[in-house]
Structures are given as C-alpha cells and as structure tokens.
Amino acid sequence: MGDNPTVISTDNGHVTLINIFTCAEDAQEALMKALDKATAELFAGLPGFISANIHAGLDRTRVVNYAQWESVEAFENMTQRPDVQEHMDEIMRVARTADPRLYKLRATYHP
C-alpha cells in the first residue's frame, strides 16, 4: 500500500477499472486478501498502473476494485500477461463472479 492517495481528476486522461466481484459471505476476507496480494505483488509494479482501491461490501457478498491506469493501452497490455492471468485465476477461485469495466471520469463534485 502506497503513501500517495488516489487522485480523482477529469484532467489527467487516466482510465478507471471498476471491477465488481461477488462472493459468498464467508469468502469475502479471502477475496480481499487475494486482491491485496495481486495488487501489491504484481499490478503495482506494472507499466501504466496508477492506483488501486479495494472496497469491501458491508453485506459481505461483494468486493469492488477501483483501479486507475494511465491509458486503455496500458490496461490492455496488463491483461495479456501470463502472470496477471495466474493471479486472476487465483482470485476467481474465491470469487463467484467478476464484472470488470473501464470508465472515463467525466465529473467530480466536492462541497
């Protein structure tokens, strides 16, 4: 886990992966650990990675990964790596489903 906070800005050109995982209630902690491990050991060191934020659903049946990448190309390059596929296989042994989608930030609101 890094010391730099995620910066959410419409001006930086980044793309955002929002991946919603579902899991059994008793598997949420294992899923969180698998995502933490993959992020720390692999994703954080890849070209184009900006940040990741992993959220645990209060109902214990969902985990959301909000990750920023420099570009669509950097994200797509990451998905083609065999070591990434290995980590995703490990994660999907714990998760029931995953719904990864890329987004472009269009607006932010602050008081």
PDB file of N, CA and C in Angstrom:
ATOM      1  N   MET A   1       0.847  -1.172   0.000  1.00  0.00           N
ATOM      2  CA  MET A   1       0.000   0.000   0.000  1.00  0.00           C
ATOM      3  C   MET A   1       0.886   1.227   0.000  1.00  0.00           C
ATOM      4  N   GLY A   2       0.616   2.119  -0.910  1.00  0.00           N
ATOM      5  CA  GLY A   2       1.461   3.293  -1.056  1.00  0.00           C
ATOM      6  C   GLY A   2       1.059   4.436  -0.153  1.00  0.00           C
ATOM      7  N   ASP A   3       1.940   5.409  -0.097  1.00  0.00           N
ATOM      8  CA  ASP A   3       1.684   6.595   0.707  1.00  0.00           C
ATOM      9  C   ASP A   3       0.918   7.656  -0.054  1.00  0.00           C
ATOM     10  N   ASN A   4       0.880   7.550  -1.380  1.00  0.00           N
ATOM     11  CA  ASN A   4       0.209   8.551  -2.185  1.00  0.00           C
ATOM     12  C   ASN A   4      -1.260   8.206  -2.347  1.00  0.00           C
ATOM     13  N   PRO A   5      -2.144   9.163  -2.042  1.00  0.00           N
ATOM     14  CA  PRO A   5      -3.575   8.882  -2.202  1.00  0.00           C
ATOM     15  C   PRO A   5      -3.968   8.873  -3.674  1.00  0.00           C
ATOM     16  N   THR A   6      -5.058   8.210  -3.965  1.00  0.00           N
ATOM     17  CA  THR A   6      -5.613   8.233  -5.312  1.00  0.00           C
ATOM     18  C   THR A   6      -6.107   9.639  -5.606  1.00  0.00           C
ATOM     19  N   VAL A   7      -5.726  10.145  -6.754  1.00  0.00           N
ATOM     20  CA  VAL A   7      -6.185  11.459  -7.184  1.00  0.00           C
ATOM     21  C   VAL A   7      -7.254  11.237  -8.238  1.00  0.00           C
ATOM     22  N   ILE A   8      -8.426  11.772  -7.983  1.00  0.00           N
ATOM     23  CA  ILE A   8      -9.533  11.617  -8.919  1.00  0.00           C
ATOM     24  C   ILE A   8      -9.726  12.965  -9.608  1.00  0.00           C
ATOM     25  N   SER A   9      -9.416  12.991 -10.905  1.00  0.00           N
ATOM     26  CA  SER A   9      -9.449  14.242 -11.656  1.00  0.00           C
ATOM     27  C   SER A   9      -9.907  13.965 -13.087  1.00  0.00           C
ATOM     28  N   THR A  10     -10.671  14.883 -13.631  1.00  0.00           N
ATOM     29  CA  THR A  10     -11.103  14.758 -15.021  1.00  0.00           C
ATOM     30  C   THR A  10     -10.019  15.214 -15.990  1.00  0.00           C
ATOM     31  N   ASP A  11      -8.924  15.794 -15.478  1.00  0.00           N
ATOM     32  CA  ASP A  11      -7.894  16.392 -16.328  1.00  0.00           C
ATOM     33  C   ASP A  11      -6.696  15.501 -16.621  1.00  0.00           C
ATOM     34  N   ASN A  12      -6.606  14.323 -16.011  1.00  0.00           N
ATOM     35  CA  ASN A  12      -5.362  13.557 -16.130  1.00  0.00           C
ATOM     36  C   ASN A  12      -5.353  12.537 -17.263  1.00  0.00           C
ATOM     37  N   GLY A  13      -6.475  12.269 -17.907  1.00  0.00           N
ATOM     38  CA  GLY A  13      -6.509  11.347 -19.035  1.00  0.00           C
ATOM     39  C   GLY A  13      -6.484   9.877 -18.664  1.00  0.00           C
ATOM     40  N   HIS A  14      -6.512   9.562 -17.386  1.00  0.00           N
ATOM     41  CA  HIS A  14      -6.476   8.168 -16.954  1.00  0.00           C
ATOM     42  C   HIS A  14      -7.795   7.467 -17.261  1.00  0.00           C
ATOM     43  N   VAL A  15      -7.736   6.134 -17.275  1.00  0.00           N
ATOM     44  CA  VAL A  15      -8.955   5.334 -17.335  1.00  0.00           C
ATOM     45  C   VAL A  15      -9.093   4.608 -15.995  1.00  0.00           C
ATOM     46  N   THR A  16     -10.310   4.300 -15.651  1.00  0.00           N
ATOM     47  CA  THR A  16     -10.591   3.655 -14.372  1.00  0.00           C
ATOM     48  C   THR A  16     -11.230   2.300 -14.609  1.00  0.00           C
ATOM     49  N   LEU A  17     -10.649   1.291 -13.982  1.00  0.00           N
ATOM     50  CA  LEU A  17     -11.256  -0.032 -13.958  1.00  0.00           C
ATOM     51  C   LEU A  17     -12.117  -0.098 -12.702  1.00  0.00           C
ATOM     52  N   ILE A  18     -13.375  -0.414 -12.875  1.00  0.00           N
ATOM     53  CA  ILE A  18     -14.234  -0.726 -11.741  1.00  0.00           C
ATOM     54  C   ILE A  18     -14.654  -2.175 -11.932  1.00  0.00           C
ATOM     55  N   ASN A  19     -14.179  -3.023 -11.034  1.00  0.00           N
ATOM     56  CA  ASN A  19     -14.462  -4.448 -11.115  1.00  0.00           C
ATOM     57  C   ASN A  19     -15.258  -4.836  -9.883  1.00  0.00           C
ATOM     58  N   ILE A  20     -16.477  -5.300 -10.095  1.00  0.00           N
ATOM     59  CA  ILE A  20     -17.350  -5.708  -9.003  1.00  0.00           C
ATOM     60  C   ILE A  20     -17.335  -7.230  -8.929  1.00  0.00           C
ATOM     61  N   PHE A  21     -16.798  -7.738  -7.838  1.00  0.00           N
ATOM     62  CA  PHE A  21     -16.745  -9.175  -7.589  1.00  0.00           C
ATOM     63  C   PHE A  21     -17.886  -9.552  -6.656  1.00  0.00           C
ATOM     64  N   THR A  22     -18.485 -10.708  -6.872  1.00  0.00           N
ATOM     65  CA  THR A  22     -19.416 -11.260  -5.896  1.00  0.00           C
ATOM     66  C   THR A  22     -18.759 -12.485  -5.272  1.00  0.00           C
ATOM     67  N   CYS A  23     -19.178 -12.774  -4.038  1.00  0.00           N
ATOM     68  CA  CYS A  23     -18.597 -13.904  -3.312  1.00  0.00           C
ATOM     69  C   CYS A  23     -19.571 -14.355  -2.233  1.00  0.00           C
ATOM     70  N   ALA A  24     -19.316 -15.532  -1.715  1.00  0.00           N
ATOM     71  CA  ALA A  24     -20.065 -15.993  -0.545  1.00  0.00           C
ATOM     72  C   ALA A  24     -19.647 -15.128   0.643  1.00  0.00           C
ATOM     73  N   GLU A  25     -20.563 -14.939   1.598  1.00  0.00           N
ATOM     74  CA  GLU A  25     -20.251 -14.114   2.770  1.00  0.00           C
ATOM     75  C   GLU A  25     -18.984 -14.575   3.471  1.00  0.00           C
ATOM     76  N   ASP A  26     -18.802 -15.877   3.583  1.00  0.00           N
ATOM     77  CA  ASP A  26     -17.634 -16.393   4.300  1.00  0.00           C
ATOM     78  C   ASP A  26     -16.364 -16.370   3.453  1.00  0.00           C
ATOM     79  N   ALA A  27     -16.447 -15.901   2.202  1.00  0.00           N
ATOM     80  CA  ALA A  27     -15.274 -15.843   1.325  1.00  0.00           C
ATOM     81  C   ALA A  27     -14.766 -14.417   1.110  1.00  0.00           C
ATOM     82  N   GLN A  28     -15.468 -13.433   1.645  1.00  0.00           N
ATOM     83  CA  GLN A  28     -15.074 -12.045   1.371  1.00  0.00           C
ATOM     84  C   GLN A  28     -13.648 -11.750   1.842  1.00  0.00           C
ATOM     85  N   GLU A  29     -13.294 -12.193   3.024  1.00  0.00           N
ATOM     86  CA  GLU A  29     -11.951 -11.910   3.543  1.00  0.00           C
ATOM     87  C   GLU A  29     -10.883 -12.568   2.674  1.00  0.00           C
ATOM     88  N   ALA A  30     -11.107 -13.788   2.232  1.00  0.00           N
ATOM     89  CA  ALA A  30     -10.150 -14.471   1.357  1.00  0.00           C
ATOM     90  C   ALA A  30     -10.029 -13.744   0.016  1.00  0.00           C
ATOM     91  N   LEU A  31     -11.144 -13.249  -0.497  1.00  0.00           N
ATOM     92  CA  LEU A  31     -11.120 -12.499  -1.749  1.00  0.00           C
ATOM     93  C   LEU A  31     -10.337 -11.207  -1.581  1.00  0.00           C
ATOM     94  N   MET A  32     -10.566 -10.507  -0.474  1.00  0.00           N
ATOM     95  CA  MET A  32      -9.812  -9.276  -0.198  1.00  0.00           C
ATOM     96  C   MET A  32      -8.314  -9.570  -0.135  1.00  0.00           C
ATOM     97  N   LYS A  33      -7.942 -10.647   0.538  1.00  0.00           N
ATOM     98  CA  LYS A  33      -6.520 -10.999   0.645  1.00  0.00           C
ATOM     99  C   LYS A  33      -5.920 -11.334  -0.710  1.00  0.00           C
ATOM    100  N   ALA A  34      -6.663 -12.045  -1.548  1.00  0.00           N
ATOM    101  CA  ALA A  34      -6.168 -12.387  -2.887  1.00  0.00           C
ATOM    102  C   ALA A  34      -5.968 -11.131  -3.732  1.00  0.00           C
ATOM    103  N   LEU A  35      -6.912 -10.184  -3.644  1.00  0.00           N
ATOM    104  CA  LEU A  35      -6.778  -8.931  -4.383  1.00  0.00           C
ATOM    105  C   LEU A  35      -5.628  -8.089  -3.846  1.00  0.00           C
ATOM    106  N   ASP A  36      -5.497  -8.039  -2.523  1.00  0.00           N
ATOM    107  CA  ASP A  36      -4.377  -7.303  -1.919  1.00  0.00           C
ATOM    108  C   ASP A  36      -3.047  -7.876  -2.392  1.00  0.00           C
ATOM    109  N   LYS A  37      -2.934  -9.193  -2.376  1.00  0.00           N
ATOM    110  CA  LYS A  37      -1.700  -9.863  -2.783  1.00  0.00           C
ATOM    111  C   LYS A  37      -1.381  -9.571  -4.252  1.00  0.00           C
ATOM    112  N   ALA A  38      -2.350  -9.737  -5.123  1.00  0.00           N
ATOM    113  CA  ALA A  38      -2.131  -9.498  -6.551  1.00  0.00           C
ATOM    114  C   ALA A  38      -1.737  -8.046  -6.808  1.00  0.00           C
ATOM    115  N   THR A  39      -2.383  -7.121  -6.119  1.00  0.00           N
ATOM    116  CA  THR A  39      -2.082  -5.706  -6.329  1.00  0.00           C
ATOM    117  C   THR A  39      -0.673  -5.374  -5.850  1.00  0.00           C
ATOM    118  N   ALA A  40      -0.327  -5.805  -4.639  1.00  0.00           N
ATOM    119  CA  ALA A  40       0.994  -5.498  -4.077  1.00  0.00           C
ATOM    120  C   ALA A  40       2.124  -6.193  -4.830  1.00  0.00           C
ATOM    121  N   GLU A  41       1.923  -7.461  -5.184  1.00  0.00           N
ATOM    122  CA  GLU A  41       2.998  -8.250  -5.781  1.00  0.00           C
ATOM    123  C   GLU A  41       3.126  -8.076  -7.287  1.00  0.00           C
ATOM    124  N   LEU A  42       2.077  -7.652  -7.946  1.00  0.00           N
ATOM    125  CA  LEU A  42       2.124  -7.620  -9.406  1.00  0.00           C
ATOM    126  C   LEU A  42       1.653  -6.290  -9.991  1.00  0.00           C
ATOM    127  N   PHE A  43       0.394  -5.975  -9.820  1.00  0.00           N
ATOM    128  CA  PHE A  43      -0.188  -4.826 -10.517  1.00  0.00           C
ATOM    129  C   PHE A  43       0.539  -3.523 -10.224  1.00  0.00           C
ATOM    130  N   ALA A  44       0.898  -3.285  -8.966  1.00  0.00           N
ATOM    131  CA  ALA A  44       1.517  -2.012  -8.577  1.00  0.00           C
ATOM    132  C   ALA A  44       2.835  -1.759  -9.296  1.00  0.00           C
ATOM    133  N   GLY A  45       3.485  -2.798  -9.796  1.00  0.00           N
ATOM    134  CA  GLY A  45       4.754  -2.620 -10.479  1.00  0.00           C
ATOM    135  C   GLY A  45       4.667  -2.596 -11.994  1.00  0.00           C
ATOM    136  N   LEU A  46       3.472  -2.693 -12.525  1.00  0.00           N
ATOM    137  CA  LEU A  46       3.328  -2.760 -13.987  1.00  0.00           C
ATOM    138  C   LEU A  46       3.298  -1.375 -14.630  1.00  0.00           C
ATOM    139  N   PRO A  47       3.814  -1.282 -15.866  1.00  0.00           N
ATOM    140  CA  PRO A  47       3.762  -0.002 -16.581  1.00  0.00           C
ATOM    141  C   PRO A  47       2.326   0.476 -16.736  1.00  0.00           C
ATOM    142  N   GLY A  48       2.099   1.737 -16.425  1.00  0.00           N
ATOM    143  CA  GLY A  48       0.785   2.342 -16.585  1.00  0.00           C
ATOM    144  C   GLY A  48      -0.116   2.256 -15.379  1.00  0.00           C
ATOM    145  N   PHE A  49       0.274   1.482 -14.354  1.00  0.00           N
ATOM    146  CA  PHE A  49      -0.545   1.391 -13.140  1.00  0.00           C
ATOM    147  C   PHE A  49      -0.445   2.703 -12.379  1.00  0.00           C
ATOM    148  N   ILE A  50      -1.576   3.231 -11.931  1.00  0.00           N
ATOM    149  CA  ILE A  50      -1.607   4.464 -11.156  1.00  0.00           C
ATOM    150  C   ILE A  50      -1.955   4.178  -9.700  1.00  0.00           C
ATOM    151  N   SER A  51      -3.085   3.515  -9.475  1.00  0.00           N
ATOM    152  CA  SER A  51      -3.519   3.251  -8.102  1.00  0.00           C
ATOM    153  C   SER A  51      -4.615   2.201  -8.098  1.00  0.00           C
ATOM    154  N   ALA A  52      -4.855   1.647  -6.918  1.00  0.00           N
ATOM    155  CA  ALA A  52      -5.976   0.722  -6.740  1.00  0.00           C
ATOM    156  C   ALA A  52      -6.575   0.952  -5.362  1.00  0.00           C
ATOM    157  N   ASN A  53      -7.867   0.803  -5.286  1.00  0.00           N
ATOM    158  CA  ASN A  53      -8.615   0.934  -4.038  1.00  0.00           C
ATOM    159  C   ASN A  53      -9.584  -0.233  -3.982  1.00  0.00           C
ATOM    160  N   ILE A  54      -9.510  -0.989  -2.918  1.00  0.00           N
ATOM    161  CA  ILE A  54     -10.324  -2.197  -2.799  1.00  0.00           C
ATOM    162  C   ILE A  54     -11.349  -1.975  -1.689  1.00  0.00           C
ATOM    163  N   HIS A  55     -12.609  -2.130  -2.050  1.00  0.00           N
ATOM    164  CA  HIS A  55     -13.720  -1.846  -1.140  1.00  0.00           C
ATOM    165  C   HIS A  55     -14.445  -3.135  -0.775  1.00  0.00           C
ATOM    166  N   ALA A  56     -14.715  -3.331   0.508  1.00  0.00           N
ATOM    167  CA  ALA A  56     -15.470  -4.494   0.982  1.00  0.00           C
ATOM    168  C   ALA A  56     -16.924  -4.087   1.174  1.00  0.00           C
ATOM    169  N   GLY A  57     -17.831  -4.792   0.515  1.00  0.00           N
ATOM    170  CA  GLY A  57     -19.249  -4.521   0.686  1.00  0.00           C
ATOM    171  C   GLY A  57     -19.688  -4.843   2.113  1.00  0.00           C
ATOM    172  N   LEU A  58     -20.490  -3.988   2.688  1.00  0.00           N
ATOM    173  CA  LEU A  58     -20.947  -4.202   4.057  1.00  0.00           C
ATOM    174  C   LEU A  58     -21.826  -5.437   4.190  1.00  0.00           C
ATOM    175  N   ASP A  59     -22.417  -5.887   3.073  1.00  0.00           N
ATOM    176  CA  ASP A  59     -23.226  -7.111   3.128  1.00  0.00           C
ATOM    177  C   ASP A  59     -22.364  -8.375   3.013  1.00  0.00           C
ATOM    178  N   ARG A  60     -21.048  -8.199   2.860  1.00  0.00           N
ATOM    179  CA  ARG A  60     -20.032  -9.257   2.794  1.00  0.00           C
ATOM    180  C   ARG A  60     -20.129 -10.122   1.534  1.00  0.00           C
ATOM    181  N   THR A  61     -20.951  -9.732   0.549  1.00  0.00           N
ATOM    182  CA  THR A  61     -21.090 -10.539  -0.669  1.00  0.00           C
ATOM    183  C   THR A  61     -20.484  -9.867  -1.897  1.00  0.00           C
ATOM    184  N   ARG A  62     -19.851  -8.712  -1.707  1.00  0.00           N
ATOM    185  CA  ARG A  62     -19.247  -8.013  -2.833  1.00  0.00           C
ATOM    186  C   ARG A  62     -17.918  -7.383  -2.420  1.00  0.00           C
ATOM    187  N   VAL A  63     -17.037  -7.302  -3.405  1.00  0.00           N
ATOM    188  CA  VAL A  63     -15.782  -6.569  -3.266  1.00  0.00           C
ATOM    189  C   VAL A  63     -15.633  -5.765  -4.551  1.00  0.00           C
ATOM    190  N   VAL A  64     -15.303  -4.492  -4.414  1.00  0.00           N
ATOM    191  CA  VAL A  64     -15.141  -3.627  -5.571  1.00  0.00           C
ATOM    192  C   VAL A  64     -13.689  -3.162  -5.644  1.00  0.00           C
ATOM    193  N   ASN A  65     -13.105  -3.326  -6.824  1.00  0.00           N
ATOM    194  CA  ASN A  65     -11.760  -2.836  -7.085  1.00  0.00           C
ATOM    195  C   ASN A  65     -11.892  -1.624  -7.994  1.00  0.00           C
ATOM    196  N   TYR A  66     -11.417  -0.474  -7.501  1.00  0.00           N
ATOM    197  CA  TYR A  66     -11.405   0.770  -8.269  1.00  0.00           C
ATOM    198  C   TYR A  66      -9.939   1.051  -8.569  1.00  0.00           C
ATOM    199  N   ALA A  67      -9.511   0.824  -9.807  1.00  0.00           N
ATOM    200  CA  ALA A  67      -8.100   0.962 -10.155  1.00  0.00           C
ATOM    201  C   ALA A  67      -7.927   1.931 -11.316  1.00  0.00           C
ATOM    202  N   GLN A  68      -6.909   2.767 -11.210  1.00  0.00           N
ATOM    203  CA  GLN A  68      -6.618   3.732 -12.268  1.00  0.00           C
ATOM    204  C   GLN A  68      -5.411   3.267 -13.079  1.00  0.00           C
ATOM    205  N   TRP A  69      -5.524   3.450 -14.400  1.00  0.00           N
ATOM    206  CA  TRP A  69      -4.453   3.122 -15.334  1.00  0.00           C
ATOM    207  C   TRP A  69      -4.199   4.338 -16.212  1.00  0.00           C
ATOM    208  N   GLU A  70      -2.965   4.491 -16.673  1.00  0.00           N
ATOM    209  CA  GLU A  70      -2.612   5.652 -17.491  1.00  0.00           C
ATOM    210  C   GLU A  70      -3.408   5.711 -18.785  1.00  0.00           C
ATOM    211  N   SER A  71      -3.736   4.546 -19.353  1.00  0.00           N
ATOM    212  CA  SER A  71      -4.412   4.527 -20.653  1.00  0.00           C
ATOM    213  C   SER A  71      -5.096   3.182 -20.863  1.00  0.00           C
ATOM    214  N   VAL A  72      -5.965   3.141 -21.844  1.00  0.00           N
ATOM    215  CA  VAL A  72      -6.597   1.880 -22.241  1.00  0.00           C
ATOM    216  C   VAL A  72      -5.510   0.901 -22.684  1.00  0.00           C
ATOM    217  N   GLU A  73      -4.521   1.388 -23.435  1.00  0.00           N
ATOM    218  CA  GLU A  73      -3.440   0.528 -23.908  1.00  0.00           C
ATOM    219  C   GLU A  73      -2.673  -0.108 -22.744  1.00  0.00           C
ATOM    220  N   ALA A  74      -2.359   0.662 -21.708  1.00  0.00           N
ATOM    221  CA  ALA A  74      -1.654   0.111 -20.544  1.00  0.00           C
ATOM    222  C   ALA A  74      -2.498  -0.963 -19.873  1.00  0.00           C
ATOM    223  N   PHE A  75      -3.795  -0.716 -19.750  1.00  0.00           N
ATOM    224  CA  PHE A  75      -4.689  -1.701 -19.156  1.00  0.00           C
ATOM    225  C   PHE A  75      -4.732  -2.973 -20.003  1.00  0.00           C
ATOM    226  N   GLU A  76      -4.900  -2.820 -21.303  1.00  0.00           N
ATOM    227  CA  GLU A  76      -4.982  -3.986 -22.191  1.00  0.00           C
ATOM    228  C   GLU A  76      -3.676  -4.776 -22.204  1.00  0.00           C
ATOM    229  N   ASN A  77      -2.536  -4.085 -22.170  1.00  0.00           N
ATOM    230  CA  ASN A  77      -1.248  -4.775 -22.096  1.00  0.00           C
ATOM    231  C   ASN A  77      -1.154  -5.611 -20.824  1.00  0.00           C
ATOM    232  N   MET A  78      -1.636  -5.070 -19.722  1.00  0.00           N
ATOM    233  CA  MET A  78      -1.632  -5.798 -18.453  1.00  0.00           C
ATOM    234  C   MET A  78      -2.446  -7.082 -18.563  1.00  0.00           C
ATOM    235  N   THR A  79      -3.597  -7.023 -19.213  1.00  0.00           N
ATOM    236  CA  THR A  79      -4.480  -8.195 -19.264  1.00  0.00           C
ATOM    237  C   THR A  79      -3.903  -9.340 -20.090  1.00  0.00           C
ATOM    238  N   GLN A  80      -2.936  -9.048 -20.938  1.00  0.00           N
ATOM    239  CA  GLN A  80      -2.344 -10.075 -21.802  1.00  0.00           C
ATOM    240  C   GLN A  80      -1.194 -10.835 -21.146  1.00  0.00           C
ATOM    241  N   ARG A  81      -0.762 -10.398 -19.999  1.00  0.00           N
ATOM    242  CA  ARG A  81       0.395 -11.012 -19.336  1.00  0.00           C
ATOM    243  C   ARG A  81       0.017 -12.339 -18.674  1.00  0.00           C
ATOM    244  N   PRO A  82       0.823 -13.391 -18.868  1.00  0.00           N
ATOM    245  CA  PRO A  82       0.549 -14.683 -18.229  1.00  0.00           C
ATOM    246  C   PRO A  82       0.537 -14.611 -16.696  1.00  0.00           C
ATOM    247  N   ASP A  83       1.408 -13.785 -16.103  1.00  0.00           N
ATOM    248  CA  ASP A  83       1.430 -13.683 -14.644  1.00  0.00           C
ATOM    249  C   ASP A  83       0.158 -13.021 -14.112  1.00  0.00           C
ATOM    250  N   VAL A  84      -0.415 -12.102 -14.870  1.00  0.00           N
ATOM    251  CA  VAL A  84      -1.690 -11.488 -14.481  1.00  0.00           C
ATOM    252  C   VAL A  84      -2.791 -12.532 -14.575  1.00  0.00           C
ATOM    253  N   GLN A  85      -2.781 -13.330 -15.620  1.00  0.00           N
ATOM    254  CA  GLN A  85      -3.802 -14.363 -15.784  1.00  0.00           C
ATOM    255  C   GLN A  85      -3.750 -15.357 -14.619  1.00  0.00           C
ATOM    256  N   GLU A  86      -2.534 -15.688 -14.157  1.00  0.00           N
ATOM    257  CA  GLU A  86      -2.385 -16.584 -13.000  1.00  0.00           C
ATOM    258  C   GLU A  86      -3.038 -15.984 -11.751  1.00  0.00           C
ATOM    259  N   HIS A  87      -2.764 -14.710 -11.498  1.00  0.00           N
ATOM    260  CA  HIS A  87      -3.362 -14.047 -10.332  1.00  0.00           C
ATOM    261  C   HIS A  87      -4.881 -13.986 -10.457  1.00  0.00           C
ATOM    262  N   MET A  88      -5.376 -13.687 -11.660  1.00  0.00           N
ATOM    263  CA  MET A  88      -6.826 -13.622 -11.832  1.00  0.00           C
ATOM    264  C   MET A  88      -7.460 -14.994 -11.648  1.00  0.00           C
ATOM    265  N   ASP A  89      -6.783 -16.053 -12.067  1.00  0.00           N
ATOM    266  CA  ASP A  89      -7.299 -17.406 -11.830  1.00  0.00           C
ATOM    267  C   ASP A  89      -7.406 -17.673 -10.335  1.00  0.00           C
ATOM    268  N   GLU A  90      -6.398 -17.252  -9.582  1.00  0.00           N
ATOM    269  CA  GLU A  90      -6.419 -17.419  -8.119  1.00  0.00           C
ATOM    270  C   GLU A  90      -7.583 -16.646  -7.504  1.00  0.00           C
ATOM    271  N   ILE A  91      -7.774 -15.421  -7.954  1.00  0.00           N
ATOM    272  CA  ILE A  91      -8.869 -14.587  -7.441  1.00  0.00           C
ATOM    273  C   ILE A  91     -10.218 -15.220  -7.769  1.00  0.00           C
ATOM    274  N   MET A  92     -10.351 -15.746  -8.985  1.00  0.00           N
ATOM    275  CA  MET A  92     -11.639 -16.308  -9.395  1.00  0.00           C
ATOM    276  C   MET A  92     -11.919 -17.671  -8.770  1.00  0.00           C
ATOM    277  N   ARG A  93     -10.946 -18.274  -8.120  1.00  0.00           N
ATOM    278  CA  ARG A  93     -11.236 -19.477  -7.335  1.00  0.00           C
ATOM    279  C   ARG A  93     -11.979 -19.121  -6.052  1.00  0.00           C
ATOM    280  N   VAL A  94     -11.897 -17.866  -5.646  1.00  0.00           N
ATOM    281  CA  VAL A  94     -12.569 -17.398  -4.428  1.00  0.00           C
ATOM    282  C   VAL A  94     -13.864 -16.662  -4.781  1.00  0.00           C
ATOM    283  N   ALA A  95     -13.822 -15.845  -5.815  1.00  0.00           N
ATOM    284  CA  ALA A  95     -14.990 -15.056  -6.207  1.00  0.00           C
ATOM    285  C   ALA A  95     -15.983 -15.916  -6.975  1.00  0.00           C
ATOM    286  N   ARG A  96     -17.250 -15.551  -6.874  1.00  0.00           N
ATOM    287  CA  ARG A  96     -18.280 -16.206  -7.690  1.00  0.00           C
ATOM    288  C   ARG A  96     -18.298 -15.609  -9.091  1.00  0.00           C
ATOM    289  N   THR A  97     -18.312 -14.278  -9.154  1.00  0.00           N
ATOM    290  CA  THR A  97     -18.342 -13.581 -10.444  1.00  0.00           C
ATOM    291  C   THR A  97     -17.473 -12.336 -10.369  1.00  0.00           C
ATOM    292  N   ALA A  98     -17.114 -11.835 -11.545  1.00  0.00           N
ATOM    293  CA  ALA A  98     -16.412 -10.566 -11.675  1.00  0.00           C
ATOM    294  C   ALA A  98     -17.038  -9.809 -12.834  1.00  0.00           C
ATOM    295  N   ASP A  99     -17.133  -8.497 -12.709  1.00  0.00           N
ATOM    296  CA  ASP A  99     -17.691  -7.671 -13.778  1.00  0.00           C
ATOM    297  C   ASP A  99     -16.769  -6.472 -14.004  1.00  0.00           C
ATOM    298  N   PRO A 100     -15.625  -6.694 -14.690  1.00  0.00           N
ATOM    299  CA  PRO A 100     -14.678  -5.599 -14.918  1.00  0.00           C
ATOM    300  C   PRO A 100     -15.112  -4.712 -16.084  1.00  0.00           C
ATOM    301  N   ARG A 101     -15.088  -3.404 -15.852  1.00  0.00           N
ATOM    302  CA  ARG A 101     -15.436  -2.433 -16.895  1.00  0.00           C
ATOM    303  C   ARG A 101     -14.486  -1.244 -16.787  1.00  0.00           C
ATOM    304  N   LEU A 102     -14.116  -0.675 -17.939  1.00  0.00           N
ATOM    305  CA  LEU A 102     -13.298   0.538 -17.966  1.00  0.00           C
ATOM    306  C   LEU A 102     -14.194   1.765 -18.081  1.00  0.00           C
ATOM    307  N   TYR A 103     -13.794   2.825 -17.376  1.00  0.00           N
ATOM    308  CA  TYR A 103     -14.557   4.064 -17.355  1.00  0.00           C
ATOM    309  C   TYR A 103     -13.629   5.252 -17.568  1.00  0.00           C
ATOM    310  N   LYS A 104     -14.194   6.314 -18.090  1.00  0.00           N
ATOM    311  CA  LYS A 104     -13.533   7.605 -18.195  1.00  0.00           C
ATOM    312  C   LYS A 104     -14.262   8.551 -17.256  1.00  0.00           C
ATOM    313  N   LEU A 105     -13.547   9.149 -16.330  1.00  0.00           N
ATOM    314  CA  LEU A 105     -14.163  10.085 -15.385  1.00  0.00           C
ATOM    315  C   LEU A 105     -14.640  11.332 -16.111  1.00  0.00           C
ATOM    316  N   ARG A 106     -15.869  11.697 -15.880  1.00  0.00           N
ATOM    317  CA  ARG A 106     -16.445  12.863 -16.552  1.00  0.00           C
ATOM    318  C   ARG A 106     -16.701  14.035 -15.621  1.00  0.00           C
ATOM    319  N   ALA A 107     -16.937  13.763 -14.323  1.00  0.00           N
ATOM    320  CA  ALA A 107     -17.226  14.869 -13.406  1.00  0.00           C
ATOM    321  C   ALA A 107     -16.927  14.451 -11.975  1.00  0.00           C
ATOM    322  N   THR A 108     -16.535  15.416 -11.162  1.00  0.00           N
ATOM    323  CA  THR A 108     -16.388  15.215  -9.720  1.00  0.00           C
ATOM    324  C   THR A 108     -17.095  16.386  -9.035  1.00  0.00           C
ATOM    325  N   TYR A 109     -17.575  16.158  -7.837  1.00  0.00           N
ATOM    326  CA  TYR A 109     -18.275  17.175  -7.062  1.00  0.00           C
ATOM    327  C   TYR A 109     -17.750  17.170  -5.639  1.00  0.00           C
ATOM    328  N   HIS A 110     -17.488  18.338  -5.119  1.00  0.00           N
ATOM    329  CA  HIS A 110     -16.980  18.500  -3.762  1.00  0.00           C
ATOM    330  C   HIS A 110     -17.719  19.660  -3.114  1.00  0.00           C
ATOM    331  N   PRO A 111     -17.906  19.602  -1.797  1.00  0.00           N
ATOM    332  CA  PRO A 111     -18.583  20.721  -1.121  1.00  0.00           C
ATOM    333  C   PRO A 111     -17.770  21.998  -1.169  1.00  0.00           C
TER     334      PRO A 111
END
